[in-house]
N, C-alpha and C. Protein backbone atom coordinates (compact mmCIF):
# COMPACT_ATOMS: atom_id res chain seq x y z
N MET A 1 137.49 55.57 62.17
CA MET A 1 137.57 56.99 62.40
C MET A 1 138.66 57.31 63.41
N ASN A 2 138.74 56.52 64.46
CA ASN A 2 139.76 56.77 65.48
C ASN A 2 141.17 56.65 64.91
N ILE A 3 141.38 55.68 64.04
CA ILE A 3 142.71 55.53 63.43
C ILE A 3 143.04 56.74 62.57
N CYS A 4 142.07 57.21 61.81
CA CYS A 4 142.30 58.41 60.99
C CYS A 4 142.72 59.59 61.86
N LYS A 5 142.04 59.76 62.96
CA LYS A 5 142.38 60.86 63.87
C LYS A 5 143.76 60.68 64.48
N GLN A 6 144.08 59.46 64.88
CA GLN A 6 145.37 59.19 65.52
C GLN A 6 146.55 59.44 64.60
N VAL A 7 146.39 59.16 63.32
CA VAL A 7 147.50 59.35 62.38
C VAL A 7 147.45 60.70 61.68
N GLY A 8 146.45 61.50 62.00
CA GLY A 8 146.34 62.83 61.41
C GLY A 8 145.86 62.84 59.97
N ALA A 9 145.10 61.82 59.59
CA ALA A 9 144.60 61.73 58.22
C ALA A 9 143.50 62.76 57.98
N ASP A 10 143.51 63.36 56.80
CA ASP A 10 142.45 64.29 56.43
C ASP A 10 141.64 63.79 55.23
N HIS A 11 141.95 62.55 54.80
CA HIS A 11 141.26 61.96 53.65
C HIS A 11 141.23 60.45 53.85
N TYR A 12 140.06 59.85 53.67
CA TYR A 12 139.88 58.40 53.80
C TYR A 12 139.30 57.86 52.51
N ILE A 13 139.91 56.80 51.97
CA ILE A 13 139.41 56.15 50.76
C ILE A 13 138.85 54.80 51.16
N SER A 14 137.58 54.59 50.87
CA SER A 14 136.87 53.40 51.30
C SER A 14 136.39 52.60 50.09
N PRO A 15 136.27 51.29 50.22
CA PRO A 15 135.67 50.50 49.14
C PRO A 15 134.22 50.91 48.93
N ALA A 16 133.77 50.85 47.70
CA ALA A 16 132.40 51.27 47.36
C ALA A 16 131.36 50.47 48.13
N GLY A 17 131.65 49.22 48.46
CA GLY A 17 130.70 48.37 49.18
C GLY A 17 130.38 48.84 50.59
N SER A 18 131.19 49.72 51.14
CA SER A 18 130.95 50.20 52.51
C SER A 18 130.05 51.44 52.55
N LYS A 19 129.69 51.96 51.39
CA LYS A 19 128.90 53.19 51.32
C LYS A 19 127.60 53.10 52.13
N GLY A 20 126.92 51.98 52.08
CA GLY A 20 125.64 51.83 52.77
C GLY A 20 125.75 52.04 54.27
N TYR A 21 126.70 51.43 54.91
CA TYR A 21 126.79 51.59 56.36
C TYR A 21 127.50 52.87 56.78
N ILE A 22 128.39 53.38 55.95
CA ILE A 22 129.04 54.66 56.29
C ILE A 22 128.03 55.79 56.21
N ASP A 23 127.18 55.77 55.19
CA ASP A 23 126.20 56.84 55.00
C ASP A 23 125.13 56.87 56.10
N GLN A 24 124.94 55.76 56.81
CA GLN A 24 123.94 55.74 57.89
C GLN A 24 124.31 56.70 59.01
N ASN A 25 125.58 56.81 59.31
CA ASN A 25 126.05 57.69 60.37
C ASN A 25 127.42 58.21 59.97
N ASN A 26 127.46 59.11 59.02
CA ASN A 26 128.71 59.53 58.41
C ASN A 26 129.57 60.35 59.37
N LEU A 27 130.42 59.67 60.10
CA LEU A 27 131.32 60.32 61.05
C LEU A 27 132.41 61.12 60.36
N PHE A 28 132.67 60.80 59.10
CA PHE A 28 133.70 61.52 58.37
C PHE A 28 133.32 62.98 58.16
N VAL A 29 132.07 63.23 57.83
CA VAL A 29 131.59 64.60 57.67
C VAL A 29 131.70 65.35 58.99
N LYS A 30 131.26 64.71 60.06
CA LYS A 30 131.31 65.34 61.38
C LYS A 30 132.74 65.64 61.82
N SER A 31 133.69 64.79 61.40
CA SER A 31 135.08 64.96 61.79
C SER A 31 135.89 65.77 60.78
N LYS A 32 135.24 66.23 59.73
CA LYS A 32 135.88 67.02 58.67
C LYS A 32 137.03 66.27 57.99
N ILE A 33 136.83 64.97 57.81
CA ILE A 33 137.77 64.14 57.06
C ILE A 33 137.12 63.85 55.72
N LYS A 34 137.84 64.18 54.64
CA LYS A 34 137.30 63.96 53.29
C LYS A 34 137.14 62.46 53.07
N LEU A 35 136.02 62.06 52.49
CA LEU A 35 135.71 60.66 52.23
C LEU A 35 135.55 60.46 50.73
N SER A 36 136.27 59.50 50.19
CA SER A 36 136.13 59.10 48.78
C SER A 36 135.85 57.62 48.73
N TYR A 37 135.09 57.23 47.74
CA TYR A 37 134.81 55.81 47.53
C TYR A 37 135.57 55.34 46.30
N GLN A 38 136.24 54.22 46.45
CA GLN A 38 136.94 53.63 45.33
C GLN A 38 135.94 52.88 44.48
N ASN A 39 135.96 53.13 43.21
CA ASN A 39 135.11 52.42 42.26
C ASN A 39 136.06 51.73 41.29
N TYR A 40 136.48 50.53 41.63
CA TYR A 40 137.51 49.84 40.86
C TYR A 40 136.88 49.09 39.70
N ASN A 41 137.21 49.51 38.50
CA ASN A 41 136.80 48.80 37.29
C ASN A 41 137.90 47.82 36.93
N HIS A 42 137.64 46.57 37.14
CA HIS A 42 138.65 45.54 37.01
C HIS A 42 139.06 45.35 35.55
N PRO A 43 140.35 45.53 35.24
CA PRO A 43 140.79 45.28 33.87
C PRO A 43 140.92 43.78 33.61
N ALA A 44 140.63 43.38 32.40
CA ALA A 44 140.81 41.97 32.04
C ALA A 44 142.29 41.71 31.77
N TYR A 45 142.73 40.52 32.11
CA TYR A 45 144.09 40.10 31.81
C TYR A 45 144.05 38.64 31.38
N ASN A 46 145.13 38.16 30.84
CA ASN A 46 145.19 36.79 30.35
C ASN A 46 145.14 35.80 31.52
N GLN A 47 144.20 34.89 31.45
CA GLN A 47 144.13 33.76 32.38
C GLN A 47 144.24 32.49 31.55
N LEU A 48 144.87 31.49 32.10
CA LEU A 48 145.18 30.28 31.33
C LEU A 48 143.96 29.45 30.94
N HIS A 49 142.92 29.42 31.75
CA HIS A 49 141.83 28.48 31.51
C HIS A 49 140.48 29.18 31.42
N GLY A 50 139.80 29.03 30.31
CA GLY A 50 138.44 29.51 30.14
C GLY A 50 138.31 31.02 30.05
N ASP A 51 137.08 31.48 30.26
CA ASP A 51 136.77 32.90 30.21
C ASP A 51 137.39 33.64 31.39
N PHE A 52 137.61 34.94 31.21
CA PHE A 52 138.18 35.77 32.26
C PHE A 52 137.25 35.82 33.47
N ILE A 53 137.80 35.62 34.64
CA ILE A 53 137.05 35.71 35.90
C ILE A 53 137.66 36.87 36.69
N PRO A 54 136.90 37.98 36.89
CA PRO A 54 137.45 39.13 37.62
C PRO A 54 137.49 38.89 39.12
N TYR A 55 138.24 39.74 39.81
CA TYR A 55 138.33 39.78 41.26
C TYR A 55 138.91 38.51 41.87
N MET A 56 139.80 37.88 41.13
CA MET A 56 140.56 36.76 41.70
C MET A 56 141.64 37.38 42.59
N SER A 57 142.47 36.58 43.18
CA SER A 57 143.52 37.12 44.04
C SER A 57 144.65 37.73 43.21
N ALA A 58 145.46 38.52 43.87
CA ALA A 58 146.64 39.09 43.21
C ALA A 58 147.59 37.98 42.77
N ILE A 59 147.55 36.85 43.45
CA ILE A 59 148.38 35.71 43.09
C ILE A 59 148.02 35.22 41.68
N ASP A 60 146.73 35.18 41.38
CA ASP A 60 146.28 34.78 40.05
C ASP A 60 146.87 35.72 39.00
N LEU A 61 146.78 37.01 39.26
CA LEU A 61 147.33 38.00 38.33
C LEU A 61 148.83 37.80 38.17
N LEU A 62 149.55 37.64 39.27
CA LEU A 62 151.01 37.46 39.21
C LEU A 62 151.40 36.22 38.42
N PHE A 63 150.72 35.12 38.65
CA PHE A 63 151.05 33.89 37.93
C PHE A 63 150.73 33.99 36.44
N ASN A 64 149.70 34.75 36.11
CA ASN A 64 149.31 34.85 34.71
C ASN A 64 150.03 35.96 33.95
N GLU A 65 150.39 37.05 34.61
CA GLU A 65 150.96 38.20 33.91
C GLU A 65 152.36 38.59 34.36
N GLY A 66 152.83 38.06 35.48
CA GLY A 66 154.20 38.32 35.93
C GLY A 66 154.52 39.80 36.09
N ASP A 67 155.59 40.24 35.41
CA ASP A 67 156.08 41.61 35.55
C ASP A 67 155.09 42.69 35.11
N CYS A 68 154.08 42.34 34.37
CA CYS A 68 153.08 43.31 33.90
C CYS A 68 151.98 43.56 34.93
N SER A 69 151.98 42.81 36.02
CA SER A 69 150.87 42.84 36.99
C SER A 69 150.59 44.22 37.57
N LEU A 70 151.60 44.94 38.00
CA LEU A 70 151.38 46.25 38.61
C LEU A 70 150.73 47.21 37.62
N ALA A 71 151.19 47.22 36.39
CA ALA A 71 150.60 48.09 35.37
C ALA A 71 149.14 47.74 35.14
N ILE A 72 148.81 46.47 35.18
CA ILE A 72 147.42 46.04 35.00
C ILE A 72 146.56 46.52 36.16
N ILE A 73 147.05 46.36 37.39
CA ILE A 73 146.30 46.83 38.56
C ILE A 73 146.05 48.33 38.46
N ARG A 74 147.07 49.08 38.15
CA ARG A 74 146.94 50.54 38.05
C ARG A 74 146.01 50.98 36.93
N SER A 75 145.91 50.20 35.88
CA SER A 75 145.05 50.58 34.75
C SER A 75 143.57 50.50 35.10
N GLY A 76 143.22 49.79 36.16
CA GLY A 76 141.82 49.63 36.52
C GLY A 76 141.35 50.51 37.65
N SER A 77 142.22 51.27 38.27
CA SER A 77 141.85 52.06 39.45
C SER A 77 141.11 53.32 39.07
N LEU A 78 139.97 53.51 39.69
CA LEU A 78 139.18 54.74 39.53
C LEU A 78 138.61 55.13 40.88
N PHE A 79 138.53 56.41 41.16
CA PHE A 79 137.92 56.90 42.38
C PHE A 79 136.79 57.83 42.00
N ASN A 80 135.78 57.87 42.84
CA ASN A 80 134.70 58.85 42.61
C ASN A 80 134.35 59.52 43.90
């Protein structure tokens, strides 16, 4: 929260996994900073060995998809 205030942010995007502890004492509402949760639906991409395993590192994506990697990352981004 302090960083948001220091940089003049009026919107904070948080990972969905943080919802539980943020909602316990939602300082964003009190500070009038808009809060959104990212709900990332991971797109499948080609991996060399076996079934697709989501949420690997970006390195895995780069080694498997090369120049297509950024488009793949962007295709899975959703906010709610």
